C-alpha atoms as a PDB file:
ATOM      1  CA  MET A   1       6.395  98.190 -19.754  1.00  0.00           C
ATOM      2  CA  THR A   2       7.263  96.134 -17.027  1.00  0.00           C
ATOM      3  CA  VAL A   3       5.755  95.398 -14.007  1.00  0.00           C
ATOM      4  CA  ALA A   4       9.254  97.048 -12.539  1.00  0.00           C
ATOM      5  CA  ALA A   5       8.880 100.169 -14.749  1.00  0.00           C
ATOM      6  CA  MET A   6       5.168 100.559 -13.109  1.00  0.00           C
ATOM      7  CA  LEU A   7       6.855  99.789  -9.390  1.00  0.00           C
ATOM      8  CA  ALA A   8       9.807 102.435  -9.872  1.00  0.00           C
ATOM      9  CA  GLU A   9       7.365 104.668 -10.602  1.00  0.00           C
ATOM     10  CA  LYS A  10       4.818 104.007  -7.736  1.00  0.00           C
ATOM     11  CA  GLY A  11       7.012 102.420  -5.451  1.00  0.00           C
ATOM     12  CA  ARG A  12       7.330  99.208  -3.764  1.00  0.00           C
ATOM     13  CA  ASP A  13       5.098  99.628  -0.305  1.00  0.00           C
ATOM     14  CA  VAL A  14       2.588  97.000   0.289  1.00  0.00           C
ATOM     15  CA  VAL A  15      -0.305  97.447   2.867  1.00  0.00           C
ATOM     16  CA  THR A  16       0.342  93.244   4.042  1.00  0.00           C
ATOM     17  CA  ALA A  17      -1.800  90.869   7.246  1.00  0.00           C
ATOM     18  CA  THR A  18      -0.601  88.231   9.306  1.00  0.00           C
ATOM     19  CA  ALA A  19      -2.925  85.280   8.681  1.00  0.00           C
ATOM     20  CA  THR A  20      -3.915  85.378  12.443  1.00  0.00           C
ATOM     21  CA  MET A  21      -4.920  88.951  12.412  1.00  0.00           C
ATOM     22  CA  THR A  22      -8.406  89.552  12.624  1.00  0.00           C
ATOM     23  CA  VAL A  23     -10.901  89.990   9.995  1.00  0.00           C
ATOM     24  CA  GLY A  24     -11.997  93.196  11.666  1.00  0.00           C
ATOM     25  CA  ASP A  25      -8.427  94.756  11.928  1.00  0.00           C
ATOM     26  CA  LEU A  26      -8.055  93.201   8.115  1.00  0.00           C
ATOM     27  CA  VAL A  27     -10.647  95.910   7.105  1.00  0.00           C
ATOM     28  CA  GLU A  28      -9.784  98.756   9.326  1.00  0.00           C
ATOM     29  CA  ALA A  29      -6.437  98.943   7.282  1.00  0.00           C
ATOM     30  CA  LEU A  30      -8.009  98.490   4.550  1.00  0.00           C
ATOM     31  CA  ALA A  31     -10.609 102.219   5.283  1.00  0.00           C
ATOM     32  CA  ARG A  32      -7.292 103.178   6.440  1.00  0.00           C
ATOM     33  CA  HIS A  33      -4.790 102.818   3.899  1.00  0.00           C
ATOM     34  CA  LYS A  34      -8.074 103.534   0.848  1.00  0.00           C
ATOM     35  CA  ILE A  35      -7.069 100.119  -0.428  1.00  0.00           C
ATOM     36  CA  GLY A  36      -9.341  97.240  -2.382  1.00  0.00           C
ATOM     37  CA  ALA A  37      -7.098  93.956  -1.128  1.00  0.00           C
ATOM     38  CA  ILE A  38      -4.294  92.875   1.665  1.00  0.00           C
ATOM     39  CA  VAL A  39      -1.525  91.239   1.001  1.00  0.00           C
ATOM     40  CA  VAL A  40      -1.398  87.507   3.475  1.00  0.00           C
ATOM     41  CA  VAL A  41       2.111  86.862   4.263  1.00  0.00           C
ATOM     42  CA  GLY A  42       3.974  84.539   6.026  1.00  0.00           C
ATOM     43  CA  ASP A  43       7.185  83.833   7.700  1.00  0.00           C
ATOM     44  CA  ALA A  44       9.982  86.051   5.690  1.00  0.00           C
ATOM     45  CA  GLY A  45       7.963  87.910   3.758  1.00  0.00           C
ATOM     46  CA  ARG A  46       6.401  84.298   1.913  1.00  0.00           C
ATOM     47  CA  ILE A  47       2.629  85.716   0.591  1.00  0.00           C
ATOM     48  CA  VAL A  48       0.967  82.740   1.714  1.00  0.00           C
ATOM     49  CA  GLY A  49      -2.560  84.184   0.790  1.00  0.00           C
ATOM     50  CA  ILE A  50      -4.608  87.756   0.177  1.00  0.00           C
ATOM     51  CA  VAL A  51      -7.788  88.885   0.840  1.00  0.00           C
ATOM     52  CA  SER A  52      -9.933  91.859  -1.128  1.00  0.00           C
ATOM     53  CA  GLU A  53     -13.063  93.576   0.019  1.00  0.00           C
ATOM     54  CA  ARG A  54     -14.754  90.844  -2.801  1.00  0.00           C
ATOM     55  CA  ASP A  55     -14.124  88.220  -0.206  1.00  0.00           C
ATOM     56  CA  VAL A  56     -14.812  90.095   2.769  1.00  0.00           C
ATOM     57  CA  VAL A  57     -18.124  91.534   1.801  1.00  0.00           C
ATOM     58  CA  ARG A  58     -18.878  87.360   0.397  1.00  0.00           C
ATOM     59  CA  ALA A  59     -17.810  86.391   4.204  1.00  0.00           C
ATOM     60  CA  LEU A  60     -20.152  88.636   5.911  1.00  0.00           C
ATOM     61  CA  ALA A  61     -23.517  87.772   3.877  1.00  0.00           C
ATOM     62  CA  ARG A  62     -22.294  83.213   4.431  1.00  0.00           C
ATOM     63  CA  ASN A  63     -21.638  83.776   8.247  1.00  0.00           C
ATOM     64  CA  GLY A  64     -22.744  87.660   9.601  1.00  0.00           C
ATOM     65  CA  VAL A  65     -20.906  90.064  11.585  1.00  0.00           C
ATOM     66  CA  ASP A  66     -19.612  87.176  14.411  1.00  0.00           C
ATOM     67  CA  MET A  67     -17.122  86.644  11.135  1.00  0.00           C
ATOM     68  CA  LEU A  68     -15.782  90.114  12.187  1.00  0.00           C
ATOM     69  CA  ALA A  69     -13.822  87.929  14.633  1.00  0.00           C
ATOM     70  CA  SER A  70     -12.914  84.971  12.658  1.00  0.00           C
ATOM     71  CA  PRO A  71      -8.797  85.134  11.429  1.00  0.00           C
ATOM     72  CA  VAL A  72      -7.885  86.259   8.255  1.00  0.00           C
ATOM     73  CA  ASN A  73      -6.760  83.078   7.374  1.00  0.00           C
ATOM     74  CA  ALA A  74     -10.588  81.427   7.335  1.00  0.00           C
ATOM     75  CA  VAL A  75     -11.395  84.396   4.541  1.00  0.00           C
ATOM     76  CA  MET A  76      -8.388  84.558   3.090  1.00  0.00           C
ATOM     77  CA  THR A  77      -8.059  83.242  -1.062  1.00  0.00           C
ATOM     78  CA  ARG A  78      -5.104  80.814  -0.868  1.00  0.00           C
ATOM     79  CA  SER A  79      -4.291  80.409  -3.764  1.00  0.00           C
ATOM     80  CA  VAL A  80      -2.672  83.261  -4.931  1.00  0.00           C
ATOM     81  CA  VAL A  81      -1.660  84.051  -8.488  1.00  0.00           C
ATOM     82  CA  THR A  82       1.062  86.838  -8.584  1.00  0.00           C
ATOM     83  CA  CYS A  83       3.493  88.115 -11.385  1.00  0.00           C
ATOM     84  CA  SER A  84       6.993  88.924 -12.153  1.00  0.00           C
ATOM     85  CA  GLU A  85       8.722  92.336 -12.603  1.00  0.00           C
ATOM     86  CA  ALA A  86       9.583  91.193 -15.760  1.00  0.00           C
ATOM     87  CA  ASP A  87       5.649  90.690 -16.772  1.00  0.00           C
ATOM     88  CA  THR A  88       4.497  93.456 -19.170  1.00  0.00           C
ATOM     89  CA  ILE A  89       1.205  95.175 -19.390  1.00  0.00           C
ATOM     90  CA  ASN A  90       0.050  92.966 -21.676  1.00  0.00           C
ATOM     91  CA  ASP A  91       0.884  90.776 -19.340  1.00  0.00           C
ATOM     92  CA  VAL A  92      -0.774  91.293 -16.229  1.00  0.00           C
ATOM     93  CA  MET A  93      -3.587  92.981 -18.167  1.00  0.00           C
ATOM     94  CA  ILE A  94      -4.740  89.329 -19.487  1.00  0.00           C
ATOM     95  CA  ARG A  95      -4.228  87.299 -15.706  1.00  0.00           C
ATOM     96  CA  MET A  96      -6.120  90.125 -14.007  1.00  0.00           C
ATOM     97  CA  THR A  97      -8.642  89.659 -16.885  1.00  0.00           C
ATOM     98  CA  ARG A  98      -8.548  85.770 -16.579  1.00  0.00           C
ATOM     99  CA  GLY A  99      -9.050  85.803 -13.253  1.00  0.00           C
ATOM    100  CA  ARG A 100     -11.305  88.727 -12.514  1.00  0.00           C
ATOM    101  CA  PHE A 101      -9.496  90.053 -10.200  1.00  0.00           C
ATOM    102  CA  ARG A 102      -8.289  94.108  -9.797  1.00  0.00           C
ATOM    103  CA  HIS A 103      -5.200  93.510  -7.432  1.00  0.00           C
ATOM    104  CA  LEU A 104      -2.395  91.181  -8.766  1.00  0.00           C
ATOM    105  CA  PRO A 105       0.659  90.745  -5.703  1.00  0.00           C
ATOM    106  CA  VAL A 106       4.481  91.045  -7.258  1.00  0.00           C
ATOM    107  CA  ALA A 107       6.609  87.944  -5.781  1.00  0.00           C
ATOM    108  CA  GLU A 108      10.249  87.462  -6.849  1.00  0.00           C
ATOM    109  CA  LYS A 109      11.235  84.095  -5.596  1.00  0.00           C
ATOM    110  CA  GLY A 110       8.127  83.629  -4.119  1.00  0.00           C
ATOM    111  CA  ARG A 111       8.529  86.991  -1.586  1.00  0.00           C
ATOM    112  CA  LEU A 112       6.311  89.875  -1.880  1.00  0.00           C
ATOM    113  CA  ALA A 113       8.236  92.837  -3.739  1.00  0.00           C
ATOM    114  CA  GLY A 114       4.741  95.116  -4.545  1.00  0.00           C
ATOM    115  CA  ILE A 115       1.414  95.021  -5.786  1.00  0.00           C
ATOM    116  CA  ILE A 116      -0.614  96.717  -8.701  1.00  0.00           C
ATOM    117  CA  SER A 117      -3.375  96.942  -9.375  1.00  0.00           C
ATOM    118  CA  ILE A 118      -6.023  97.768 -12.170  1.00  0.00           C
ATOM    119  CA  GLY A 119      -6.402 101.604 -11.832  1.00  0.00           C
ATOM    120  CA  ASP A 120      -1.886 100.855 -11.931  1.00  0.00           C
ATOM    121  CA  VAL A 121      -2.238  98.970 -15.247  1.00  0.00           C
ATOM    122  CA  VAL A 122      -4.578 101.345 -16.614  1.00  0.00           C
ATOM    123  CA  LYS A 123      -2.951 104.514 -16.377  1.00  0.00           C
ATOM    124  CA  ALA A 124       0.669 102.913 -17.434  1.00  0.00           C
ATOM    125  CA  ARG A 125      -1.278 101.470 -20.887  1.00  0.00           C
ATOM    126  CA  ILE A 126      -2.533 105.173 -21.288  1.00  0.00           C
ATOM    127  CA  GLU A 127       1.280 106.749 -20.908  1.00  0.00           C
ATOM    128  CA  GLN A 128       2.310 104.010 -23.040  1.00  0.00           C
ATOM    129  CA  VAL A 129      -0.576 104.803 -25.440  1.00  0.00           C
ATOM    130  CA  GLU A 130      -0.574 108.585 -25.522  1.00  0.00           C
ATOM    131  CA  ARG A 131       3.972 108.053 -26.272  1.00  0.00           C
ATOM    132  CA  GLU A 132       3.226 105.742 -29.396  1.00  0.00           C
ATOM    133  CA  ALA A 133       1.134 108.750 -30.906  1.00  0.00           C
ATOM    134  CA  GLU A 134       3.562 111.259 -30.245  1.00  0.00           C
ATOM    135  CA  ASP A 135       5.973 109.021 -31.760  1.00  0.00           C
ATOM    136  CA  MET A 136       3.578 108.996 -34.766  1.00  0.00           C
ATOM    137  CA  ARG A 137       2.803 112.204 -34.599  1.00  0.00           C
ATOM    138  CA  ALA A 138       6.568 113.360 -35.515  1.00  0.00           C
ATOM    139  CA  TYR A 139       7.147 110.558 -37.815  1.00  0.00           C
ATOM    140  CA  ILE A 140       4.470 112.397 -39.928  1.00  0.00           C
ATOM    141  CA  ALA A 141       5.320 115.717 -39.405  1.00  0.00           C
ATOM    142  CA  THR A 142       8.921 114.962 -40.622  1.00  0.00           C
ATOM    143  CA  ALA A 143       8.612 112.812 -43.489  1.00  0.00           C
END
């Protein structure tokens, strides 16, 4: 299964932020949408960063609650690892495991095209394994 297939099933809507909004506003958006990360976009939907719950917690630990008034670009990860719609489940599992992150923006020509979470990947992989097992059972039954 590819990332494109996962996005076709789950949708392409992504909650985004700008680099100049406050961290407090970003935290409120994380809570309101019940999500673990927000992609930071610039002009024409170009990905300029990502902020996860972990980023916020680390910034709070370093700087205290005053950091909530800081701009998002003060806490965002600027070097964003992305995937493409052509990547497979195995491709993104490896990337997420090596990078130790749970959210992977999908980029096409440098622009945000969606986002997948580790939950999306696990769900798709379980469905794939179940299909393969059912196919094997059907094959054995007809042999």
